[in-house]
Amino acid sequence: MVTSSDFITEFEQSQISHLLWRIQFSYFLTGNPAEKEFSPEYFFLEPWFGDQAPGQITGEPSYLAAQNLFLQLKKQVSDLVRLKETGDPDKLDEKLIAFYSLSDELLSHLGQAFSGAREVLTPGKDLLVWDTDWDIGVPELDGQHQSLVSVINDLNQAILAGKDGEVLQDILRRLEDYTRLHFTTEEIYMKSVRFPGFDQHRERHQDFINWLVRFRTDIQSHQLNPQDLLSFLYGWLIFHIRKSDREIGELISASEGLSAGG
């Protein structure tokens, strides 16, 4: 039987794996030497659409839409691999854009199904409730911010439930993994618009990752009060989204506006 903790952890891990796979896949298609051995057949979301998918999620209305999109996405993967082999770069770029769009739509529907299931599976009040005022205007980064909010809420629920250090460590490890993905994505956007102060911003990213690594050790050895940890993460995330990342979003929007006008 799938417990709520297993369900949430497995879904979020597979979602992170899918996003990393998607980055690797785009590198593979564009001939990045580091991805020569990449296998496009391995698809991390597959378990959520097979016979073993837990009933908690298959009962959600958004699940059927996600299932149909998944079948379309698998076909697009095959088509893209064929295009890579035939060597038509213009058509490949066009299809890759469509693939990313469909992939985002799939994750959105699956996320809605997941959120609906969570309301049943996870009791209690969330520490953070996403506010559309926090959107920075970059859909991929906004989606990742919402996922960070979700993991911090999971940590809050675990602390309220009196879970032990090992459980808290596991959630912090998820937060660390997803934060690494988010920072990597963010830095790609920053480079694309020649973001001023990029090196300093990247240093702050690494500093935060180092803190997360230390938190995992300190929470296990009871050197860190869980409520202090939550307060720090809450303050950091709000500042990160509403100040630091908003500047990135504004620069990207301005850059897109210039491109459209040029």
C-alpha atoms as a PDB file:
ATOM      1  CA  MET A   1       0.000   0.000   0.000  1.00  0.00           C
ATOM      2  CA  VAL A   2       1.296   3.490  -0.881  1.00  0.00           C
ATOM      3  CA  THR A   3       1.417   5.813   2.140  1.00  0.00           C
ATOM      4  CA  SER A   4       0.999   9.565   1.825  1.00  0.00           C
ATOM      5  CA  SER A   5       4.688  10.111   2.619  1.00  0.00           C
ATOM      6  CA  ASP A   6       5.811   7.554   0.026  1.00  0.00           C
ATOM      7  CA  PHE A   7       3.378   8.950  -2.521  1.00  0.00           C
ATOM      8  CA  ILE A   8       4.537  12.548  -2.130  1.00  0.00           C
ATOM      9  CA  THR A   9       8.222  11.666  -2.064  1.00  0.00           C
ATOM     10  CA  GLU A  10       8.062   9.338  -5.083  1.00  0.00           C
ATOM     11  CA  PHE A  11       6.077  11.817  -7.153  1.00  0.00           C
ATOM     12  CA  GLU A  12       8.345  14.775  -6.462  1.00  0.00           C
ATOM     13  CA  GLN A  13      11.499  12.721  -7.028  1.00  0.00           C
ATOM     14  CA  SER A  14      10.186  11.472 -10.375  1.00  0.00           C
ATOM     15  CA  GLN A  15       9.176  15.009 -11.338  1.00  0.00           C
ATOM     16  CA  ILE A  16      12.683  16.288 -10.577  1.00  0.00           C
ATOM     17  CA  SER A  17      14.176  13.344 -12.486  1.00  0.00           C
ATOM     18  CA  HIS A  18      11.944  14.128 -15.457  1.00  0.00           C
ATOM     19  CA  LEU A  19      13.071  17.755 -15.539  1.00  0.00           C
ATOM     20  CA  LEU A  20      16.720  16.716 -15.371  1.00  0.00           C
ATOM     21  CA  TRP A  21      16.058  14.127 -18.070  1.00  0.00           C
ATOM     22  CA  ARG A  22      14.484  16.835 -20.217  1.00  0.00           C
ATOM     23  CA  ILE A  23      17.599  18.993 -19.938  1.00  0.00           C
ATOM     24  CA  GLN A  24      19.782  15.992 -20.839  1.00  0.00           C
ATOM     25  CA  PHE A  25      17.495  15.148 -23.758  1.00  0.00           C
ATOM     26  CA  SER A  26      17.804  18.641 -25.230  1.00  0.00           C
ATOM     27  CA  TYR A  27      21.595  18.411 -24.890  1.00  0.00           C
ATOM     28  CA  PHE A  28      21.512  14.993 -26.564  1.00  0.00           C
ATOM     29  CA  LEU A  29      19.493  16.342 -29.505  1.00  0.00           C
ATOM     30  CA  THR A  30      21.762  19.331 -30.029  1.00  0.00           C
ATOM     31  CA  GLY A  31      24.912  17.239 -30.009  1.00  0.00           C
ATOM     32  CA  ASN A  32      26.370  18.129 -26.619  1.00  0.00           C
ATOM     33  CA  PRO A  33      29.405  15.810 -26.262  1.00  0.00           C
ATOM     34  CA  ALA A  34      28.629  15.203 -22.581  1.00  0.00           C
ATOM     35  CA  GLU A  35      25.422  13.400 -23.533  1.00  0.00           C
ATOM     36  CA  LYS A  36      26.760  10.926 -26.110  1.00  0.00           C
ATOM     37  CA  GLU A  37      25.744   7.961 -23.958  1.00  0.00           C
ATOM     38  CA  PHE A  38      22.336   9.404 -23.017  1.00  0.00           C
ATOM     39  CA  SER A  39      19.419   7.002 -23.489  1.00  0.00           C
ATOM     40  CA  PRO A  40      16.240   8.860 -24.550  1.00  0.00           C
ATOM     41  CA  GLU A  41      14.144   5.726 -23.991  1.00  0.00           C
ATOM     42  CA  TYR A  42      14.363   6.065 -20.194  1.00  0.00           C
ATOM     43  CA  PHE A  43      11.379   8.160 -19.172  1.00  0.00           C
ATOM     44  CA  PHE A  44      11.061   8.969 -15.478  1.00  0.00           C
ATOM     45  CA  LEU A  45       7.332   9.681 -15.413  1.00  0.00           C
ATOM     46  CA  GLU A  46       6.436   6.281 -16.876  1.00  0.00           C
ATOM     47  CA  PRO A  47       5.488   4.671 -13.511  1.00  0.00           C
ATOM     48  CA  TRP A  48       2.748   7.238 -12.967  1.00  0.00           C
ATOM     49  CA  PHE A  49       0.864   6.101 -16.073  1.00  0.00           C
ATOM     50  CA  GLY A  50       1.061   2.319 -15.774  1.00  0.00           C
ATOM     51  CA  ASP A  51      -0.917  -0.338 -13.930  1.00  0.00           C
ATOM     52  CA  GLN A  52       1.013   0.405 -10.726  1.00  0.00           C
ATOM     53  CA  ALA A  53      -0.083   4.058 -10.516  1.00  0.00           C
ATOM     54  CA  PRO A  54      -1.631   4.667  -7.075  1.00  0.00           C
ATOM     55  CA  GLY A  55      -5.388   5.064  -6.939  1.00  0.00           C
ATOM     56  CA  GLN A  56      -5.079   8.355  -5.061  1.00  0.00           C
ATOM     57  CA  ILE A  57      -3.860  10.083  -8.213  1.00  0.00           C
ATOM     58  CA  THR A  58      -5.726   8.140 -10.905  1.00  0.00           C
ATOM     59  CA  GLY A  59      -8.997   9.287  -9.337  1.00  0.00           C
ATOM     60  CA  GLU A  60      -8.176  12.938  -9.956  1.00  0.00           C
ATOM     61  CA  PRO A  61      -9.836  14.663 -12.992  1.00  0.00           C
ATOM     62  CA  SER A  62      -6.504  16.100 -14.203  1.00  0.00           C
ATOM     63  CA  TYR A  63      -4.960  12.643 -14.360  1.00  0.00           C
ATOM     64  CA  LEU A  64      -6.725  11.580 -17.588  1.00  0.00           C
ATOM     65  CA  ALA A  65      -5.556  14.742 -19.380  1.00  0.00           C
ATOM     66  CA  ALA A  66      -2.010  14.112 -18.147  1.00  0.00           C
ATOM     67  CA  GLN A  67      -2.194  10.489 -19.311  1.00  0.00           C
ATOM     68  CA  ASN A  68      -3.193  11.531 -22.845  1.00  0.00           C
ATOM     69  CA  LEU A  69      -0.407  14.131 -22.940  1.00  0.00           C
ATOM     70  CA  PHE A  70       2.102  11.532 -21.808  1.00  0.00           C
ATOM     71  CA  LEU A  71       1.265   9.311 -24.790  1.00  0.00           C
ATOM     72  CA  GLN A  72       1.710  12.292 -27.126  1.00  0.00           C
ATOM     73  CA  LEU A  73       5.010  13.171 -25.461  1.00  0.00           C
ATOM     74  CA  LYS A  74       6.386   9.656 -25.917  1.00  0.00           C
ATOM     75  CA  LYS A  75       5.618   9.880 -29.638  1.00  0.00           C
ATOM     76  CA  GLN A  76       7.350  13.274 -29.810  1.00  0.00           C
ATOM     77  CA  VAL A  77      10.463  11.774 -28.198  1.00  0.00           C
ATOM     78  CA  SER A  78      10.625   9.137 -30.949  1.00  0.00           C
ATOM     79  CA  ASP A  79      10.050  11.780 -33.644  1.00  0.00           C
ATOM     80  CA  LEU A  80      12.799  13.998 -32.243  1.00  0.00           C
ATOM     81  CA  VAL A  81      15.310  11.155 -32.128  1.00  0.00           C
ATOM     82  CA  ARG A  82      14.522  10.385 -35.790  1.00  0.00           C
ATOM     83  CA  LEU A  83      14.983  14.063 -36.698  1.00  0.00           C
ATOM     84  CA  LYS A  84      18.358  14.092 -34.975  1.00  0.00           C
ATOM     85  CA  GLU A  85      19.418  11.137 -37.105  1.00  0.00           C
ATOM     86  CA  THR A  86      18.225  12.735 -40.376  1.00  0.00           C
ATOM     87  CA  GLY A  87      20.047  15.995 -39.578  1.00  0.00           C
ATOM     88  CA  ASP A  88      17.417  18.693 -40.158  1.00  0.00           C
ATOM     89  CA  PRO A  89      18.395  21.325 -37.499  1.00  0.00           C
ATOM     90  CA  ASP A  90      15.657  23.853 -38.339  1.00  0.00           C
ATOM     91  CA  LYS A  91      12.887  21.314 -38.057  1.00  0.00           C
ATOM     92  CA  LEU A  92      14.520  19.848 -34.965  1.00  0.00           C
ATOM     93  CA  ASP A  93      14.471  23.248 -33.209  1.00  0.00           C
ATOM     94  CA  GLU A  94      10.811  23.743 -34.120  1.00  0.00           C
ATOM     95  CA  LYS A  95       9.822  20.309 -32.802  1.00  0.00           C
ATOM     96  CA  LEU A  96      11.939  20.745 -29.658  1.00  0.00           C
ATOM     97  CA  ILE A  97      10.019  23.920 -28.756  1.00  0.00           C
ATOM     98  CA  ALA A  98       6.731  22.037 -29.182  1.00  0.00           C
ATOM     99  CA  PHE A  99       8.105  19.190 -27.060  1.00  0.00           C
ATOM    100  CA  TYR A 100       8.978  21.555 -24.196  1.00  0.00           C
ATOM    101  CA  SER A 101       5.529  23.149 -24.364  1.00  0.00           C
ATOM    102  CA  LEU A 102       3.796  19.760 -24.214  1.00  0.00           C
ATOM    103  CA  SER A 103       6.089  18.640 -21.409  1.00  0.00           C
ATOM    104  CA  ASP A 104       5.200  21.753 -19.358  1.00  0.00           C
ATOM    105  CA  GLU A 105       1.501  21.106 -19.943  1.00  0.00           C
ATOM    106  CA  LEU A 106       1.895  17.492 -18.827  1.00  0.00           C
ATOM    107  CA  LEU A 107       3.665  18.480 -15.609  1.00  0.00           C
ATOM    108  CA  SER A 108       0.978  21.086 -14.940  1.00  0.00           C
ATOM    109  CA  HIS A 109      -1.880  18.556 -15.255  1.00  0.00           C
ATOM    110  CA  LEU A 110       0.005  15.943 -13.261  1.00  0.00           C
ATOM    111  CA  GLY A 111       0.778  18.552 -10.622  1.00  0.00           C
ATOM    112  CA  GLN A 112      -2.926  19.423 -10.371  1.00  0.00           C
ATOM    113  CA  ALA A 113      -3.766  15.765  -9.889  1.00  0.00           C
ATOM    114  CA  PHE A 114      -1.023  15.510  -7.293  1.00  0.00           C
ATOM    115  CA  SER A 115      -2.305  18.620  -5.459  1.00  0.00           C
ATOM    116  CA  GLY A 116      -5.827  17.247  -5.393  1.00  0.00           C
ATOM    117  CA  ALA A 117      -4.578  13.968  -3.973  1.00  0.00           C
ATOM    118  CA  ARG A 118      -2.473  15.780  -1.393  1.00  0.00           C
ATOM    119  CA  GLU A 119      -5.546  17.535   0.010  1.00  0.00           C
ATOM    120  CA  VAL A 120      -6.845  14.096   0.927  1.00  0.00           C
ATOM    121  CA  LEU A 121      -3.523  12.600   1.970  1.00  0.00           C
ATOM    122  CA  THR A 122      -1.899  15.423   3.922  1.00  0.00           C
ATOM    123  CA  PRO A 123      -3.735  16.879   6.923  1.00  0.00           C
ATOM    124  CA  GLY A 124      -2.929  20.230   8.494  1.00  0.00           C
ATOM    125  CA  LYS A 125      -2.275  23.768   7.366  1.00  0.00           C
ATOM    126  CA  ASP A 126       0.447  24.787   4.925  1.00  0.00           C
ATOM    127  CA  LEU A 127       3.098  27.231   6.067  1.00  0.00           C
ATOM    128  CA  LEU A 128       3.158  28.909   2.647  1.00  0.00           C
ATOM    129  CA  VAL A 129       0.288  29.387   0.212  1.00  0.00           C
ATOM    130  CA  TRP A 130       1.315  30.365  -3.299  1.00  0.00           C
ATOM    131  CA  ASP A 131       0.287  33.888  -4.248  1.00  0.00           C
ATOM    132  CA  THR A 132       0.116  34.860  -7.931  1.00  0.00           C
ATOM    133  CA  ASP A 133       1.772  38.150  -6.940  1.00  0.00           C
ATOM    134  CA  TRP A 134       4.917  36.058  -6.533  1.00  0.00           C
ATOM    135  CA  ASP A 135       4.985  35.205 -10.254  1.00  0.00           C
ATOM    136  CA  ILE A 136       8.056  36.688 -11.940  1.00  0.00           C
ATOM    137  CA  GLY A 137       6.726  36.206 -15.478  1.00  0.00           C
ATOM    138  CA  VAL A 138       8.949  33.249 -16.433  1.00  0.00           C
ATOM    139  CA  PRO A 139       6.699  30.141 -16.403  1.00  0.00           C
ATOM    140  CA  GLU A 140       9.490  27.600 -15.889  1.00  0.00           C
ATOM    141  CA  LEU A 141      10.953  29.489 -12.918  1.00  0.00           C
ATOM    142  CA  ASP A 142       7.503  30.245 -11.474  1.00  0.00           C
ATOM    143  CA  GLY A 143       6.684  26.527 -11.584  1.00  0.00           C
ATOM    144  CA  GLN A 144       9.931  25.663  -9.829  1.00  0.00           C
ATOM    145  CA  HIS A 145       9.236  28.272  -7.147  1.00  0.00           C
ATOM    146  CA  GLN A 146       5.875  26.641  -6.481  1.00  0.00           C
ATOM    147  CA  SER A 147       7.611  23.287  -6.113  1.00  0.00           C
ATOM    148  CA  LEU A 148      10.037  24.788  -3.592  1.00  0.00           C
ATOM    149  CA  VAL A 149       7.051  26.129  -1.644  1.00  0.00           C
ATOM    150  CA  SER A 150       5.552  22.622  -1.706  1.00  0.00           C
ATOM    151  CA  VAL A 151       8.696  20.983  -0.279  1.00  0.00           C
ATOM    152  CA  ILE A 152       8.962  23.588   2.496  1.00  0.00           C
ATOM    153  CA  ASN A 153       5.307  22.923   3.335  1.00  0.00           C
ATOM    154  CA  ASP A 154       6.102  19.199   3.540  1.00  0.00           C
ATOM    155  CA  LEU A 155       8.899  20.003   5.976  1.00  0.00           C
ATOM    156  CA  ASN A 156       6.498  22.075   8.069  1.00  0.00           C
ATOM    157  CA  GLN A 157       3.972  19.219   8.162  1.00  0.00           C
ATOM    158  CA  ALA A 158       6.670  16.765   9.240  1.00  0.00           C
ATOM    159  CA  ILE A 159       7.811  19.070  12.041  1.00  0.00           C
ATOM    160  CA  LEU A 160       4.199  19.603  13.234  1.00  0.00           C
ATOM    161  CA  ALA A 161       3.708  15.828  13.237  1.00  0.00           C
ATOM    162  CA  GLY A 162       6.810  15.363  15.392  1.00  0.00           C
ATOM    163  CA  LYS A 163       8.724  13.325  12.818  1.00  0.00           C
ATOM    164  CA  ASP A 164      12.259  12.279  13.685  1.00  0.00           C
ATOM    165  CA  GLY A 165      15.518  13.657  12.315  1.00  0.00           C
ATOM    166  CA  GLU A 166      15.803  11.002   9.606  1.00  0.00           C
ATOM    167  CA  VAL A 167      12.472  12.043   8.055  1.00  0.00           C
ATOM    168  CA  LEU A 168      13.449  15.710   8.220  1.00  0.00           C
ATOM    169  CA  GLN A 169      16.804  14.860   6.627  1.00  0.00           C
ATOM    170  CA  ASP A 170      15.037  13.144   3.726  1.00  0.00           C
ATOM    171  CA  ILE A 171      12.869  16.201   3.086  1.00  0.00           C
ATOM    172  CA  LEU A 172      15.896  18.484   3.296  1.00  0.00           C
ATOM    173  CA  ARG A 173      17.656  16.232   0.783  1.00  0.00           C
ATOM    174  CA  ARG A 174      14.680  16.673  -1.578  1.00  0.00           C
ATOM    175  CA  LEU A 175      14.834  20.415  -1.021  1.00  0.00           C
ATOM    176  CA  GLU A 176      18.560  20.398  -1.770  1.00  0.00           C
ATOM    177  CA  ASP A 177      18.110  18.344  -4.969  1.00  0.00           C
ATOM    178  CA  TYR A 178      15.319  20.533  -6.281  1.00  0.00           C
ATOM    179  CA  THR A 179      17.123  23.743  -5.302  1.00  0.00           C
ATOM    180  CA  ARG A 180      20.181  22.602  -7.293  1.00  0.00           C
ATOM    181  CA  LEU A 181      17.933  22.036 -10.321  1.00  0.00           C
ATOM    182  CA  HIS A 182      16.269  25.422  -9.846  1.00  0.00           C
ATOM    183  CA  PHE A 183      19.560  27.287  -9.521  1.00  0.00           C
ATOM    184  CA  THR A 184      20.946  25.568 -12.632  1.00  0.00           C
ATOM    185  CA  THR A 185      17.854  26.553 -14.629  1.00  0.00           C
ATOM    186  CA  GLU A 186      17.929  30.092 -13.265  1.00  0.00           C
ATOM    187  CA  GLU A 187      21.584  30.546 -14.147  1.00  0.00           C
ATOM    188  CA  ILE A 188      20.905  29.446 -17.733  1.00  0.00           C
ATOM    189  CA  TYR A 189      18.281  32.199 -18.000  1.00  0.00           C
ATOM    190  CA  MET A 190      20.628  34.723 -16.372  1.00  0.00           C
ATOM    191  CA  LYS A 191      23.412  33.955 -18.843  1.00  0.00           C
ATOM    192  CA  SER A 192      20.994  34.270 -21.767  1.00  0.00           C
ATOM    193  CA  VAL A 193      20.207  37.907 -20.865  1.00  0.00           C
ATOM    194  CA  ARG A 194      23.703  38.810 -19.584  1.00  0.00           C
ATOM    195  CA  PHE A 195      22.368  39.369 -16.077  1.00  0.00           C
ATOM    196  CA  PRO A 196      24.544  41.973 -14.254  1.00  0.00           C
ATOM    197  CA  GLY A 197      26.160  40.624 -11.129  1.00  0.00           C
ATOM    198  CA  PHE A 198      25.857  37.043 -12.360  1.00  0.00           C
ATOM    199  CA  ASP A 199      28.984  35.827 -10.528  1.00  0.00           C
ATOM    200  CA  GLN A 200      27.833  37.243  -7.187  1.00  0.00           C
ATOM    201  CA  HIS A 201      24.363  35.789  -7.678  1.00  0.00           C
ATOM    202  CA  ARG A 202      25.836  32.373  -8.442  1.00  0.00           C
ATOM    203  CA  GLU A 203      27.971  32.607  -5.286  1.00  0.00           C
ATOM    204  CA  ARG A 204      24.816  33.238  -3.234  1.00  0.00           C
ATOM    205  CA  HIS A 205      23.300  30.138  -4.822  1.00  0.00           C
ATOM    206  CA  GLN A 206      26.284  28.038  -3.758  1.00  0.00           C
ATOM    207  CA  ASP A 207      26.199  29.532  -0.264  1.00  0.00           C
ATOM    208  CA  PHE A 208      22.578  28.472   0.123  1.00  0.00           C
ATOM    209  CA  ILE A 209      23.320  24.941  -1.093  1.00  0.00           C
ATOM    210  CA  ASN A 210      26.136  24.751   1.480  1.00  0.00           C
ATOM    211  CA  TRP A 211      23.690  25.813   4.184  1.00  0.00           C
ATOM    212  CA  LEU A 212      21.228  23.103   3.162  1.00  0.00           C
ATOM    213  CA  VAL A 213      23.987  20.476   3.377  1.00  0.00           C
ATOM    214  CA  ARG A 214      24.904  21.704   6.850  1.00  0.00           C
ATOM    215  CA  PHE A 215      21.239  21.787   7.944  1.00  0.00           C
ATOM    216  CA  ARG A 216      20.876  18.085   7.168  1.00  0.00           C
ATOM    217  CA  THR A 217      23.760  17.277   9.499  1.00  0.00           C
ATOM    218  CA  ASP A 218      22.668  19.684  12.243  1.00  0.00           C
ATOM    219  CA  ILE A 219      19.041  18.547  12.265  1.00  0.00           C
ATOM    220  CA  GLN A 220      20.143  14.936  12.727  1.00  0.00           C
ATOM    221  CA  SER A 221      22.465  15.811  15.625  1.00  0.00           C
ATOM    222  CA  HIS A 222      19.807  18.086  17.214  1.00  0.00           C
ATOM    223  CA  GLN A 223      22.069  21.134  16.899  1.00  0.00           C
ATOM    224  CA  LEU A 224      19.407  22.976  14.906  1.00  0.00           C
ATOM    225  CA  ASN A 225      15.933  23.852  16.151  1.00  0.00           C
ATOM    226  CA  PRO A 226      13.413  22.795  13.469  1.00  0.00           C
ATOM    227  CA  GLN A 227      11.375  25.986  13.909  1.00  0.00           C
ATOM    228  CA  ASP A 228      14.512  28.099  13.391  1.00  0.00           C
ATOM    229  CA  LEU A 229      15.153  26.129  10.217  1.00  0.00           C
ATOM    230  CA  LEU A 230      11.615  26.826   8.977  1.00  0.00           C
ATOM    231  CA  SER A 231      11.932  30.531   9.750  1.00  0.00           C
ATOM    232  CA  PHE A 232      15.182  30.711   7.786  1.00  0.00           C
ATOM    233  CA  LEU A 233      13.767  28.838   4.774  1.00  0.00           C
ATOM    234  CA  TYR A 234      10.568  30.906   4.824  1.00  0.00           C
ATOM    235  CA  GLY A 235      12.509  34.191   4.863  1.00  0.00           C
ATOM    236  CA  TRP A 236      14.997  33.043   2.244  1.00  0.00           C
ATOM    237  CA  LEU A 237      12.352  31.828  -0.204  1.00  0.00           C
ATOM    238  CA  ILE A 238      10.229  34.966   0.050  1.00  0.00           C
ATOM    239  CA  PHE A 239      13.293  37.184  -0.497  1.00  0.00           C
ATOM    240  CA  HIS A 240      14.602  34.940  -3.279  1.00  0.00           C
ATOM    241  CA  ILE A 241      11.331  35.103  -5.219  1.00  0.00           C
ATOM    242  CA  ARG A 242      10.113  38.630  -4.547  1.00  0.00           C
ATOM    243  CA  LYS A 243      13.433  40.479  -4.754  1.00  0.00           C
ATOM    244  CA  SER A 244      16.252  38.519  -6.331  1.00  0.00           C
ATOM    245  CA  ASP A 245      14.326  36.515  -8.955  1.00  0.00           C
ATOM    246  CA  ARG A 246      11.916  39.328  -9.767  1.00  0.00           C
ATOM    247  CA  GLU A 247      14.909  41.287 -11.083  1.00  0.00           C
ATOM    248  CA  ILE A 248      15.749  38.344 -13.333  1.00  0.00           C
ATOM    249  CA  GLY A 249      12.135  38.151 -14.559  1.00  0.00           C
ATOM    250  CA  GLU A 250      12.056  41.864 -15.370  1.00  0.00           C
ATOM    251  CA  LEU A 251      15.274  41.643 -17.370  1.00  0.00           C
ATOM    252  CA  ILE A 252      14.032  38.587 -19.295  1.00  0.00           C
ATOM    253  CA  SER A 253      10.710  40.343 -20.062  1.00  0.00           C
ATOM    254  CA  ALA A 254      12.560  43.442 -21.267  1.00  0.00           C
ATOM    255  CA  SER A 255      14.836  41.295 -23.428  1.00  0.00           C
ATOM    256  CA  GLU A 256      11.852  39.492 -24.974  1.00  0.00           C
ATOM    257  CA  GLY A 257      10.183  42.847 -25.623  1.00  0.00           C
ATOM    258  CA  LEU A 258      13.235  44.136 -27.464  1.00  0.00           C
ATOM    259  CA  SER A 259      13.384  40.938 -29.542  1.00  0.00           C
ATOM    260  CA  ALA A 260       9.709  41.265 -30.482  1.00  0.00           C
ATOM    261  CA  GLY A 261      10.146  44.927 -31.395  1.00  0.00           C
ATOM    262  CA  GLY A 262      13.369  44.405 -33.329  1.00  0.00           C
END
